[in-house]
Amino acid sequence: MDLSLAADRILELLQGDEDFFGLIDDHNATLQFLRKGETIWMEIPIPDKQGSYGKYIPLNKVSALVAGLPAQIDLNDFSEMQFQPW
């Protein structure tokens, strides 16, 4: 799915609490989104570290975030992500 289509459809896909959506880039890096009420938990899993870096964002910001993603998912492109072990 291209990012503009994903940005347009992500709120349809994240309608209910605990709905989940993920994007995988050409280098197999993943950015995941999980709805928690009116917020979204977004995270980048790092299997080698057995955990994920993530943060909460407002539901109304997720479409713009997805639309503005670079082609490659990089943890350094996101501020305030905190590590969560699995």
N, C-alpha and C. Protein backbone atom coordinates (compact mmCIF):
# COMPACT_ATOMS: atom_id res chain seq x y z
N MET A 1 0.85 -1.18 0.00
CA MET A 1 0.00 0.00 0.00
C MET A 1 0.89 1.23 0.00
N ASP A 2 0.57 2.21 -0.82
CA ASP A 2 1.40 3.41 -0.80
C ASP A 2 1.00 4.29 0.39
N LEU A 3 1.93 5.15 0.81
CA LEU A 3 1.73 5.92 2.04
C LEU A 3 0.56 6.88 1.96
N SER A 4 0.29 7.47 0.80
CA SER A 4 -0.85 8.38 0.71
C SER A 4 -2.16 7.62 0.89
N LEU A 5 -2.25 6.42 0.34
CA LEU A 5 -3.44 5.59 0.53
C LEU A 5 -3.54 5.14 1.99
N ALA A 6 -2.43 4.76 2.57
CA ALA A 6 -2.42 4.35 3.99
C ALA A 6 -2.87 5.51 4.88
N ALA A 7 -2.38 6.71 4.59
CA ALA A 7 -2.77 7.88 5.39
C ALA A 7 -4.26 8.15 5.28
N ASP A 8 -4.82 7.97 4.07
CA ASP A 8 -6.25 8.20 3.86
C ASP A 8 -7.11 7.15 4.57
N ARG A 9 -6.59 5.93 4.68
CA ARG A 9 -7.41 4.82 5.19
C ARG A 9 -7.12 4.42 6.63
N ILE A 10 -6.07 4.96 7.24
CA ILE A 10 -5.65 4.45 8.54
C ILE A 10 -6.73 4.59 9.61
N LEU A 11 -7.50 5.68 9.58
CA LEU A 11 -8.55 5.84 10.59
C LEU A 11 -9.69 4.83 10.38
N GLU A 12 -9.92 4.42 9.14
CA GLU A 12 -10.89 3.36 8.88
C GLU A 12 -10.40 2.04 9.47
N LEU A 13 -9.10 1.81 9.40
CA LEU A 13 -8.52 0.56 9.87
C LEU A 13 -8.34 0.53 11.38
N LEU A 14 -8.29 1.69 12.00
CA LEU A 14 -8.11 1.79 13.45
C LEU A 14 -9.36 2.34 14.12
N GLN A 15 -10.51 1.75 13.82
CA GLN A 15 -11.78 2.24 14.36
C GLN A 15 -12.02 1.85 15.81
N GLY A 16 -11.69 0.63 16.16
CA GLY A 16 -12.00 0.14 17.49
C GLY A 16 -10.78 0.06 18.39
N ASP A 17 -11.02 0.07 19.68
CA ASP A 17 -9.95 -0.08 20.65
C ASP A 17 -9.23 -1.40 20.39
N GLU A 18 -7.92 -1.36 20.41
CA GLU A 18 -7.04 -2.50 20.16
C GLU A 18 -6.90 -2.86 18.69
N ASP A 19 -7.49 -2.08 17.76
CA ASP A 19 -7.23 -2.31 16.33
C ASP A 19 -5.77 -1.97 16.05
N PHE A 20 -5.18 -2.69 15.10
CA PHE A 20 -3.75 -2.66 14.86
C PHE A 20 -3.48 -2.47 13.37
N PHE A 21 -2.42 -1.71 13.05
CA PHE A 21 -2.01 -1.49 11.67
C PHE A 21 -0.50 -1.38 11.64
N GLY A 22 0.15 -1.98 10.65
CA GLY A 22 1.60 -1.92 10.57
C GLY A 22 2.07 -1.63 9.16
N LEU A 23 3.21 -0.98 9.08
CA LEU A 23 3.88 -0.69 7.80
C LEU A 23 5.27 -1.31 7.86
N ILE A 24 5.69 -1.90 6.76
CA ILE A 24 7.02 -2.49 6.66
C ILE A 24 7.70 -1.87 5.45
N ASP A 25 8.92 -1.34 5.66
CA ASP A 25 9.63 -0.71 4.54
C ASP A 25 10.44 -1.75 3.76
N ASP A 26 11.17 -1.29 2.76
CA ASP A 26 11.95 -2.18 1.90
C ASP A 26 13.11 -2.87 2.62
N HIS A 27 13.45 -2.39 3.82
CA HIS A 27 14.54 -2.97 4.60
C HIS A 27 14.01 -3.82 5.76
N ASN A 28 12.72 -4.13 5.71
CA ASN A 28 12.03 -4.94 6.73
C ASN A 28 11.93 -4.28 8.10
N ALA A 29 12.08 -2.96 8.16
CA ALA A 29 11.81 -2.23 9.39
C ALA A 29 10.30 -2.02 9.48
N THR A 30 9.76 -2.11 10.69
CA THR A 30 8.31 -2.04 10.90
C THR A 30 7.95 -0.86 11.78
N LEU A 31 6.86 -0.20 11.43
CA LEU A 31 6.23 0.82 12.26
C LEU A 31 4.81 0.37 12.48
N GLN A 32 4.42 0.20 13.75
CA GLN A 32 3.12 -0.35 14.09
C GLN A 32 2.29 0.70 14.83
N PHE A 33 0.98 0.60 14.66
CA PHE A 33 0.04 1.51 15.30
C PHE A 33 -1.04 0.68 15.98
N LEU A 34 -1.35 0.99 17.24
CA LEU A 34 -2.37 0.31 18.01
C LEU A 34 -3.26 1.35 18.65
N ARG A 35 -4.56 1.24 18.39
CA ARG A 35 -5.49 2.21 18.97
C ARG A 35 -5.76 1.86 20.42
N LYS A 36 -5.68 2.89 21.26
CA LYS A 36 -5.99 2.79 22.69
C LYS A 36 -6.92 3.96 23.01
N GLY A 37 -8.21 3.75 22.85
CA GLY A 37 -9.17 4.84 23.08
C GLY A 37 -8.98 5.92 22.03
N GLU A 38 -8.74 7.14 22.47
CA GLU A 38 -8.54 8.27 21.56
C GLU A 38 -7.07 8.56 21.30
N THR A 39 -6.20 7.62 21.64
CA THR A 39 -4.78 7.76 21.35
C THR A 39 -4.29 6.56 20.54
N ILE A 40 -3.14 6.72 19.96
CA ILE A 40 -2.50 5.66 19.19
C ILE A 40 -1.14 5.38 19.82
N TRP A 41 -0.87 4.11 20.09
CA TRP A 41 0.47 3.70 20.49
C TRP A 41 1.19 3.35 19.19
N MET A 42 2.26 4.08 18.89
CA MET A 42 3.05 3.74 17.72
C MET A 42 4.39 3.24 18.19
N GLU A 43 4.90 2.21 17.49
CA GLU A 43 6.16 1.63 17.93
C GLU A 43 6.94 1.05 16.76
N ILE A 44 8.25 0.97 17.00
CA ILE A 44 9.16 0.33 16.07
C ILE A 44 9.78 -0.85 16.82
N PRO A 45 9.40 -2.07 16.46
CA PRO A 45 9.98 -3.24 17.12
C PRO A 45 11.46 -3.40 16.74
N ILE A 46 12.26 -3.77 17.73
CA ILE A 46 13.68 -4.04 17.52
C ILE A 46 13.94 -5.45 18.06
N PRO A 47 13.74 -6.47 17.22
CA PRO A 47 13.86 -7.86 17.70
C PRO A 47 15.20 -8.17 18.36
N ASP A 48 16.30 -7.60 17.86
CA ASP A 48 17.61 -7.86 18.45
C ASP A 48 17.70 -7.40 19.91
N LYS A 49 16.91 -6.41 20.27
CA LYS A 49 16.89 -5.89 21.64
C LYS A 49 15.73 -6.47 22.44
N GLN A 50 14.93 -7.31 21.82
CA GLN A 50 13.75 -7.93 22.45
C GLN A 50 12.82 -6.89 23.05
N GLY A 51 12.51 -5.89 22.24
CA GLY A 51 11.59 -4.85 22.67
C GLY A 51 11.28 -3.90 21.53
N SER A 52 10.57 -2.84 21.87
CA SER A 52 10.16 -1.84 20.90
C SER A 52 10.39 -0.45 21.46
N TYR A 53 10.63 0.49 20.56
CA TYR A 53 10.64 1.90 20.91
C TYR A 53 9.28 2.44 20.50
N GLY A 54 8.62 3.15 21.41
CA GLY A 54 7.29 3.63 21.09
C GLY A 54 6.89 4.86 21.88
N LYS A 55 5.74 5.40 21.49
CA LYS A 55 5.14 6.54 22.20
C LYS A 55 3.68 6.64 21.80
N TYR A 56 2.93 7.38 22.60
CA TYR A 56 1.54 7.67 22.29
C TYR A 56 1.45 8.95 21.48
N ILE A 57 0.54 8.94 20.50
CA ILE A 57 0.24 10.15 19.73
C ILE A 57 -1.28 10.30 19.69
N PRO A 58 -1.76 11.52 19.54
CA PRO A 58 -3.21 11.72 19.44
C PRO A 58 -3.76 11.07 18.16
N LEU A 59 -4.95 10.54 18.26
CA LEU A 59 -5.61 9.90 17.13
C LEU A 59 -5.67 10.83 15.92
N ASN A 60 -5.92 12.11 16.15
CA ASN A 60 -6.07 13.04 15.03
C ASN A 60 -4.75 13.41 14.35
N LYS A 61 -3.62 12.91 14.85
CA LYS A 61 -2.31 13.17 14.24
C LYS A 61 -1.79 12.01 13.41
N VAL A 62 -2.42 10.84 13.50
CA VAL A 62 -1.86 9.64 12.87
C VAL A 62 -1.87 9.70 11.34
N SER A 63 -2.91 10.25 10.73
CA SER A 63 -2.97 10.33 9.27
C SER A 63 -1.85 11.20 8.71
N ALA A 64 -1.64 12.36 9.31
CA ALA A 64 -0.57 13.25 8.85
C ALA A 64 0.80 12.62 9.07
N LEU A 65 0.97 11.92 10.17
CA LEU A 65 2.24 11.26 10.43
C LEU A 65 2.54 10.23 9.35
N VAL A 66 1.55 9.40 9.02
CA VAL A 66 1.74 8.37 7.99
C VAL A 66 2.00 9.02 6.63
N ALA A 67 1.28 10.07 6.30
CA ALA A 67 1.46 10.74 5.01
C ALA A 67 2.87 11.31 4.86
N GLY A 68 3.47 11.72 5.97
CA GLY A 68 4.79 12.34 5.93
C GLY A 68 5.96 11.41 6.19
N LEU A 69 5.69 10.11 6.26
CA LEU A 69 6.78 9.17 6.53
C LEU A 69 7.79 9.12 5.40
N PRO A 70 9.08 9.00 5.76
CA PRO A 70 10.09 8.77 4.71
C PRO A 70 9.98 7.34 4.19
N ALA A 71 10.64 7.06 3.08
CA ALA A 71 10.58 5.72 2.48
C ALA A 71 11.18 4.66 3.40
N GLN A 72 12.15 5.06 4.22
CA GLN A 72 12.78 4.11 5.14
C GLN A 72 12.43 4.49 6.57
N ILE A 73 11.97 3.51 7.34
CA ILE A 73 11.63 3.72 8.74
C ILE A 73 12.92 3.75 9.55
N ASP A 74 13.12 4.84 10.27
CA ASP A 74 14.33 5.03 11.07
C ASP A 74 13.94 5.61 12.42
N LEU A 75 14.35 4.95 13.48
CA LEU A 75 14.04 5.39 14.84
C LEU A 75 14.45 6.84 15.06
N ASN A 76 15.53 7.27 14.44
CA ASN A 76 16.04 8.63 14.62
C ASN A 76 15.10 9.70 14.06
N ASP A 77 14.13 9.29 13.25
CA ASP A 77 13.17 10.25 12.68
C ASP A 77 12.02 10.56 13.63
N PHE A 78 11.97 9.89 14.78
CA PHE A 78 10.87 10.06 15.72
C PHE A 78 11.42 10.49 17.07
N SER A 79 10.89 11.57 17.60
CA SER A 79 11.33 12.05 18.91
C SER A 79 10.54 11.38 20.03
N GLU A 80 11.15 11.35 21.19
CA GLU A 80 10.49 10.92 22.43
C GLU A 80 10.04 9.47 22.47
N MET A 81 10.59 8.62 21.64
CA MET A 81 10.25 7.19 21.69
C MET A 81 10.99 6.59 22.90
N GLN A 82 10.27 5.79 23.66
CA GLN A 82 10.82 5.12 24.84
C GLN A 82 10.89 3.62 24.59
N PHE A 83 11.95 2.99 25.11
CA PHE A 83 12.12 1.56 24.93
C PHE A 83 11.20 0.80 25.89
N GLN A 84 10.53 -0.22 25.36
CA GLN A 84 9.66 -1.10 26.13
C GLN A 84 10.10 -2.54 25.87
N PRO A 85 10.62 -3.26 26.88
CA PRO A 85 10.99 -4.66 26.64
C PRO A 85 9.74 -5.51 26.45
N TRP A 86 9.89 -6.62 25.74
CA TRP A 86 8.76 -7.53 25.53
C TRP A 86 8.64 -8.48 26.69
